[in-house]
Amino acid sequence: MHGQNCMLCPLYRKAGSDYNGRMSQVLHYQDDLYLINSLSRFLADASRLEADPEILGDTIAAVARITDGSFRRIRELVLEKPHLADRPDYMKLLADIATTMADALERLLAADSSMAVNLSSSADEMSRMMNAHRAASSDLREILRESLNGVMNDENQVSGDELNELLKI
């Protein structure tokens, strides 16, 4: 009796799963960041267009919430892992996403925005999101600047052996 639920049959186990059939957790930072960036760009586009709030207002608010939550989760994961490959690239992209989000939310909440009336019930929440993204962008850029300065300082240091060799010349 072998079949799809048989743990002994490797042909039926899902790719990327362990022996018990559970999905192993592998984060795909680039894919996640691409999608979060796409969501923030959607909001940026929505903030520049005159879409009908009756048709898209709730969708735009939902996308803002989803993007904000996803952004916060991946930002924490990247910040928790200082030795992550491509971390500086991820941090720069996160800072760019945060700036895009803050700018889009600011335009969406502006009095002359077609979405302002529809978003008025969640204006406080959206305003807090906007301020949090402005702060996150600034913080990420500062952390990135400090980490890049640290790398440059490490590269410019001369070891004792190198110094001895230089002094022989």
C-alpha atoms as a PDB file:
ATOM      1  CA  MET A   1       0.000   0.000   0.000  1.00  0.00           C
ATOM      2  CA  HIS A   2       2.253   2.743  -1.173  1.00  0.00           C
ATOM      3  CA  GLY A   3       0.886   6.050  -2.225  1.00  0.00           C
ATOM      4  CA  GLN A   4       1.020   9.773  -1.949  1.00  0.00           C
ATOM      5  CA  ASN A   5       1.057   9.786   1.873  1.00  0.00           C
ATOM      6  CA  CYS A   6       3.609   7.000   2.254  1.00  0.00           C
ATOM      7  CA  MET A   7       6.747   8.355   3.932  1.00  0.00           C
ATOM      8  CA  LEU A   8       8.742   5.450   2.541  1.00  0.00           C
ATOM      9  CA  CYS A   9       8.133   6.447  -1.050  1.00  0.00           C
ATOM     10  CA  PRO A  10      10.566   9.196  -2.040  1.00  0.00           C
ATOM     11  CA  LEU A  11       8.736   9.631  -5.339  1.00  0.00           C
ATOM     12  CA  TYR A  12       5.739  10.990  -3.505  1.00  0.00           C
ATOM     13  CA  ARG A  13       7.562  13.255  -1.079  1.00  0.00           C
ATOM     14  CA  LYS A  14       7.392  16.919  -1.898  1.00  0.00           C
ATOM     15  CA  ALA A  15      10.555  18.556  -3.163  1.00  0.00           C
ATOM     16  CA  GLY A  16      12.222  20.506  -0.386  1.00  0.00           C
ATOM     17  CA  SER A  17      10.640  18.455   2.363  1.00  0.00           C
ATOM     18  CA  ASP A  18      12.355  16.444   5.060  1.00  0.00           C
ATOM     19  CA  TYR A  19      11.849  12.717   5.609  1.00  0.00           C
ATOM     20  CA  ASN A  20       8.570  13.279   7.475  1.00  0.00           C
ATOM     21  CA  GLY A  21       7.154  15.254   4.578  1.00  0.00           C
ATOM     22  CA  ARG A  22       7.320  18.618   6.367  1.00  0.00           C
ATOM     23  CA  MET A  23       8.457  21.541   4.263  1.00  0.00           C
ATOM     24  CA  SER A  24      11.928  22.683   5.228  1.00  0.00           C
ATOM     25  CA  GLN A  25      12.158  26.409   5.767  1.00  0.00           C
ATOM     26  CA  VAL A  26      14.329  27.985   3.122  1.00  0.00           C
ATOM     27  CA  LEU A  27      13.942  31.698   2.720  1.00  0.00           C
ATOM     28  CA  HIS A  28      14.100  33.095  -0.767  1.00  0.00           C
ATOM     29  CA  TYR A  29      15.098  36.647   0.090  1.00  0.00           C
ATOM     30  CA  GLN A  30      15.422  37.837  -3.503  1.00  0.00           C
ATOM     31  CA  ASP A  31      12.003  36.511  -4.502  1.00  0.00           C
ATOM     32  CA  ASP A  32      10.365  37.881  -1.362  1.00  0.00           C
ATOM     33  CA  LEU A  33      11.989  41.279  -1.819  1.00  0.00           C
ATOM     34  CA  TYR A  34      10.971  41.350  -5.484  1.00  0.00           C
ATOM     35  CA  LEU A  35       7.337  40.749  -4.578  1.00  0.00           C
ATOM     36  CA  ILE A  36       7.339  43.242  -1.695  1.00  0.00           C
ATOM     37  CA  ASN A  37       8.957  45.797  -4.007  1.00  0.00           C
ATOM     38  CA  SER A  38       6.256  45.083  -6.597  1.00  0.00           C
ATOM     39  CA  LEU A  39       3.551  45.694  -3.992  1.00  0.00           C
ATOM     40  CA  SER A  40       5.147  48.985  -2.963  1.00  0.00           C
ATOM     41  CA  ARG A  41       5.361  49.997  -6.639  1.00  0.00           C
ATOM     42  CA  PHE A  42       1.654  49.140  -7.000  1.00  0.00           C
ATOM     43  CA  LEU A  43       0.932  51.580  -4.164  1.00  0.00           C
ATOM     44  CA  ALA A  44       3.189  54.190  -5.779  1.00  0.00           C
ATOM     45  CA  ASP A  45       1.289  53.787  -9.052  1.00  0.00           C
ATOM     46  CA  ALA A  46      -2.050  53.960  -7.238  1.00  0.00           C
ATOM     47  CA  SER A  47      -0.956  57.172  -5.541  1.00  0.00           C
ATOM     48  CA  ARG A  48      -0.260  58.826  -8.902  1.00  0.00           C
ATOM     49  CA  LEU A  49      -3.449  57.717 -10.664  1.00  0.00           C
ATOM     50  CA  GLU A  50      -7.077  58.818 -10.256  1.00  0.00           C
ATOM     51  CA  ALA A  51      -8.572  55.392  -9.534  1.00  0.00           C
ATOM     52  CA  ASP A  52     -12.155  55.118  -8.328  1.00  0.00           C
ATOM     53  CA  PRO A  53     -12.133  54.742  -4.544  1.00  0.00           C
ATOM     54  CA  GLU A  54     -15.403  52.775  -4.634  1.00  0.00           C
ATOM     55  CA  ILE A  55     -13.738  50.155  -6.799  1.00  0.00           C
ATOM     56  CA  LEU A  56     -10.148  50.058  -5.522  1.00  0.00           C
ATOM     57  CA  GLY A  57     -10.091  51.922  -2.205  1.00  0.00           C
ATOM     58  CA  ASP A  58     -10.371  48.840   0.016  1.00  0.00           C
ATOM     59  CA  THR A  59      -7.898  46.965  -2.157  1.00  0.00           C
ATOM     60  CA  ILE A  60      -5.324  49.742  -1.878  1.00  0.00           C
ATOM     61  CA  ALA A  61      -5.706  49.838   1.920  1.00  0.00           C
ATOM     62  CA  ALA A  62      -5.347  46.042   2.090  1.00  0.00           C
ATOM     63  CA  VAL A  63      -2.245  46.076  -0.121  1.00  0.00           C
ATOM     64  CA  ALA A  64      -0.711  48.764   2.095  1.00  0.00           C
ATOM     65  CA  ARG A  65      -1.288  46.601   5.187  1.00  0.00           C
ATOM     66  CA  ILE A  66       0.034  43.451   3.518  1.00  0.00           C
ATOM     67  CA  THR A  67       3.096  45.240   2.178  1.00  0.00           C
ATOM     68  CA  ASP A  68       3.799  46.810   5.556  1.00  0.00           C
ATOM     69  CA  GLY A  69       3.564  43.482   7.391  1.00  0.00           C
ATOM     70  CA  SER A  70       5.693  41.652   4.839  1.00  0.00           C
ATOM     71  CA  PHE A  71       8.265  44.426   4.835  1.00  0.00           C
ATOM     72  CA  ARG A  72       8.573  44.366   8.625  1.00  0.00           C
ATOM     73  CA  ARG A  73       9.008  40.567   8.690  1.00  0.00           C
ATOM     74  CA  ILE A  74      11.725  40.417   6.051  1.00  0.00           C
ATOM     75  CA  ARG A  75      13.497  43.482   7.468  1.00  0.00           C
ATOM     76  CA  GLU A  76      13.764  41.776  10.852  1.00  0.00           C
ATOM     77  CA  LEU A  77      15.074  38.587   9.230  1.00  0.00           C
ATOM     78  CA  VAL A  78      17.749  40.492   7.305  1.00  0.00           C
ATOM     79  CA  LEU A  79      18.775  42.521  10.357  1.00  0.00           C
ATOM     80  CA  GLU A  80      19.015  39.357  12.514  1.00  0.00           C
ATOM     81  CA  LYS A  81      21.576  37.821  10.148  1.00  0.00           C
ATOM     82  CA  PRO A  82      24.700  40.001   9.934  1.00  0.00           C
ATOM     83  CA  HIS A  83      26.595  37.358   7.922  1.00  0.00           C
ATOM     84  CA  LEU A  84      23.863  36.842   5.344  1.00  0.00           C
ATOM     85  CA  ALA A  85      25.197  36.650   1.799  1.00  0.00           C
ATOM     86  CA  ASP A  86      24.131  39.744  -0.172  1.00  0.00           C
ATOM     87  CA  ARG A  87      22.952  41.468   3.028  1.00  0.00           C
ATOM     88  CA  PRO A  88      24.085  44.944   1.869  1.00  0.00           C
ATOM     89  CA  ASP A  89      22.084  44.538  -1.350  1.00  0.00           C
ATOM     90  CA  TYR A  90      19.027  43.405   0.613  1.00  0.00           C
ATOM     91  CA  MET A  91      19.355  46.326   3.008  1.00  0.00           C
ATOM     92  CA  LYS A  92      19.600  48.831   0.169  1.00  0.00           C
ATOM     93  CA  LEU A  93      16.534  47.337  -1.495  1.00  0.00           C
ATOM     94  CA  LEU A  94      14.659  47.380   1.828  1.00  0.00           C
ATOM     95  CA  ALA A  95      15.556  51.052   2.285  1.00  0.00           C
ATOM     96  CA  ASP A  96      14.328  51.804  -1.240  1.00  0.00           C
ATOM     97  CA  ILE A  97      11.078  49.908  -0.600  1.00  0.00           C
ATOM     98  CA  ALA A  98      10.541  51.815   2.644  1.00  0.00           C
ATOM     99  CA  THR A  99      11.033  55.141   0.844  1.00  0.00           C
ATOM    100  CA  THR A 100       8.639  54.114  -1.934  1.00  0.00           C
ATOM    101  CA  MET A 101       6.041  53.053   0.653  1.00  0.00           C
ATOM    102  CA  ALA A 102       6.349  56.270   2.660  1.00  0.00           C
ATOM    103  CA  ASP A 103       6.078  58.448  -0.453  1.00  0.00           C
ATOM    104  CA  ALA A 104       3.095  56.472  -1.782  1.00  0.00           C
ATOM    105  CA  LEU A 105       1.255  56.620   1.537  1.00  0.00           C
ATOM    106  CA  GLU A 106       1.900  60.347   1.797  1.00  0.00           C
ATOM    107  CA  ARG A 107       0.390  60.934  -1.662  1.00  0.00           C
ATOM    108  CA  LEU A 108      -2.558  58.591  -0.961  1.00  0.00           C
ATOM    109  CA  LEU A 109      -3.380  60.457   2.262  1.00  0.00           C
ATOM    110  CA  ALA A 110      -3.023  63.934   0.717  1.00  0.00           C
ATOM    111  CA  ALA A 111      -6.243  65.960   0.694  1.00  0.00           C
ATOM    112  CA  ASP A 112      -6.276  66.149  -3.111  1.00  0.00           C
ATOM    113  CA  SER A 113      -5.890  62.363  -3.561  1.00  0.00           C
ATOM    114  CA  SER A 114      -8.815  60.436  -5.018  1.00  0.00           C
ATOM    115  CA  MET A 115      -8.303  57.882  -2.223  1.00  0.00           C
ATOM    116  CA  ALA A 116      -8.162  60.334   0.698  1.00  0.00           C
ATOM    117  CA  VAL A 117     -11.871  60.115   1.558  1.00  0.00           C
ATOM    118  CA  ASN A 118     -11.893  56.320   1.267  1.00  0.00           C
ATOM    119  CA  LEU A 119      -8.769  55.989   3.434  1.00  0.00           C
ATOM    120  CA  SER A 120      -9.953  58.530   6.024  1.00  0.00           C
ATOM    121  CA  SER A 121     -11.184  55.807   8.396  1.00  0.00           C
ATOM    122  CA  SER A 122      -7.687  54.305   8.474  1.00  0.00           C
ATOM    123  CA  ALA A 123      -5.750  57.573   8.058  1.00  0.00           C
ATOM    124  CA  ASP A 124      -4.138  57.303  11.499  1.00  0.00           C
ATOM    125  CA  GLU A 125      -2.943  53.761  10.800  1.00  0.00           C
ATOM    126  CA  MET A 126      -1.675  54.713   7.336  1.00  0.00           C
ATOM    127  CA  SER A 127       0.059  57.794   8.738  1.00  0.00           C
ATOM    128  CA  ARG A 128       1.824  55.661  11.369  1.00  0.00           C
ATOM    129  CA  MET A 129       2.869  53.274   8.577  1.00  0.00           C
ATOM    130  CA  MET A 130       4.209  56.202   6.558  1.00  0.00           C
ATOM    131  CA  ASN A 131       6.255  57.507   9.491  1.00  0.00           C
ATOM    132  CA  ALA A 132       7.529  54.017  10.329  1.00  0.00           C
ATOM    133  CA  HIS A 133       8.692  53.510   6.742  1.00  0.00           C
ATOM    134  CA  ARG A 134      10.459  56.872   6.684  1.00  0.00           C
ATOM    135  CA  ALA A 135      12.271  55.921   9.898  1.00  0.00           C
ATOM    136  CA  ALA A 136      13.040  52.409   8.598  1.00  0.00           C
ATOM    137  CA  SER A 137      14.534  53.818   5.406  1.00  0.00           C
ATOM    138  CA  SER A 138      16.759  56.165   7.364  1.00  0.00           C
ATOM    139  CA  ASP A 139      17.786  53.452   9.849  1.00  0.00           C
ATOM    140  CA  LEU A 140      18.570  50.925   7.120  1.00  0.00           C
ATOM    141  CA  ARG A 141      20.673  53.433   5.195  1.00  0.00           C
ATOM    142  CA  GLU A 142      22.600  54.301   8.356  1.00  0.00           C
ATOM    143  CA  ILE A 143      23.218  50.628   9.225  1.00  0.00           C
ATOM    144  CA  LEU A 144      24.318  50.001   5.645  1.00  0.00           C
ATOM    145  CA  ARG A 145      26.642  53.017   5.715  1.00  0.00           C
ATOM    146  CA  GLU A 146      28.199  51.865   8.998  1.00  0.00           C
ATOM    147  CA  SER A 147      28.657  48.294   7.792  1.00  0.00           C
ATOM    148  CA  LEU A 148      30.261  49.428   4.540  1.00  0.00           C
ATOM    149  CA  ASN A 149      32.600  51.762   6.445  1.00  0.00           C
ATOM    150  CA  GLY A 150      33.544  48.852   8.708  1.00  0.00           C
ATOM    151  CA  VAL A 151      34.380  46.678   5.706  1.00  0.00           C
ATOM    152  CA  MET A 152      36.483  49.432   4.150  1.00  0.00           C
ATOM    153  CA  ASN A 153      38.356  49.988   7.424  1.00  0.00           C
ATOM    154  CA  ASP A 154      39.012  46.238   7.753  1.00  0.00           C
ATOM    155  CA  GLU A 155      40.365  46.108   4.203  1.00  0.00           C
ATOM    156  CA  ASN A 156      42.661  49.097   4.798  1.00  0.00           C
ATOM    157  CA  GLN A 157      44.308  47.596   7.869  1.00  0.00           C
ATOM    158  CA  VAL A 158      47.748  46.067   7.454  1.00  0.00           C
ATOM    159  CA  SER A 159      48.585  42.903   9.357  1.00  0.00           C
ATOM    160  CA  GLY A 160      51.820  42.575  11.345  1.00  0.00           C
ATOM    161  CA  ASP A 161      53.330  40.215   8.743  1.00  0.00           C
ATOM    162  CA  GLU A 162      52.442  42.602   5.919  1.00  0.00           C
ATOM    163  CA  LEU A 163      53.964  45.499   7.835  1.00  0.00           C
ATOM    164  CA  ASN A 164      57.220  43.538   8.393  1.00  0.00           C
ATOM    165  CA  GLU A 165      57.410  42.742   4.692  1.00  0.00           C
ATOM    166  CA  LEU A 166      56.835  46.375   3.790  1.00  0.00           C
ATOM    167  CA  LEU A 167      59.513  47.555   6.200  1.00  0.00           C
ATOM    168  CA  LYS A 168      62.082  45.169   4.639  1.00  0.00           C
ATOM    169  CA  ILE A 169      61.802  46.911   1.291  1.00  0.00           C
END
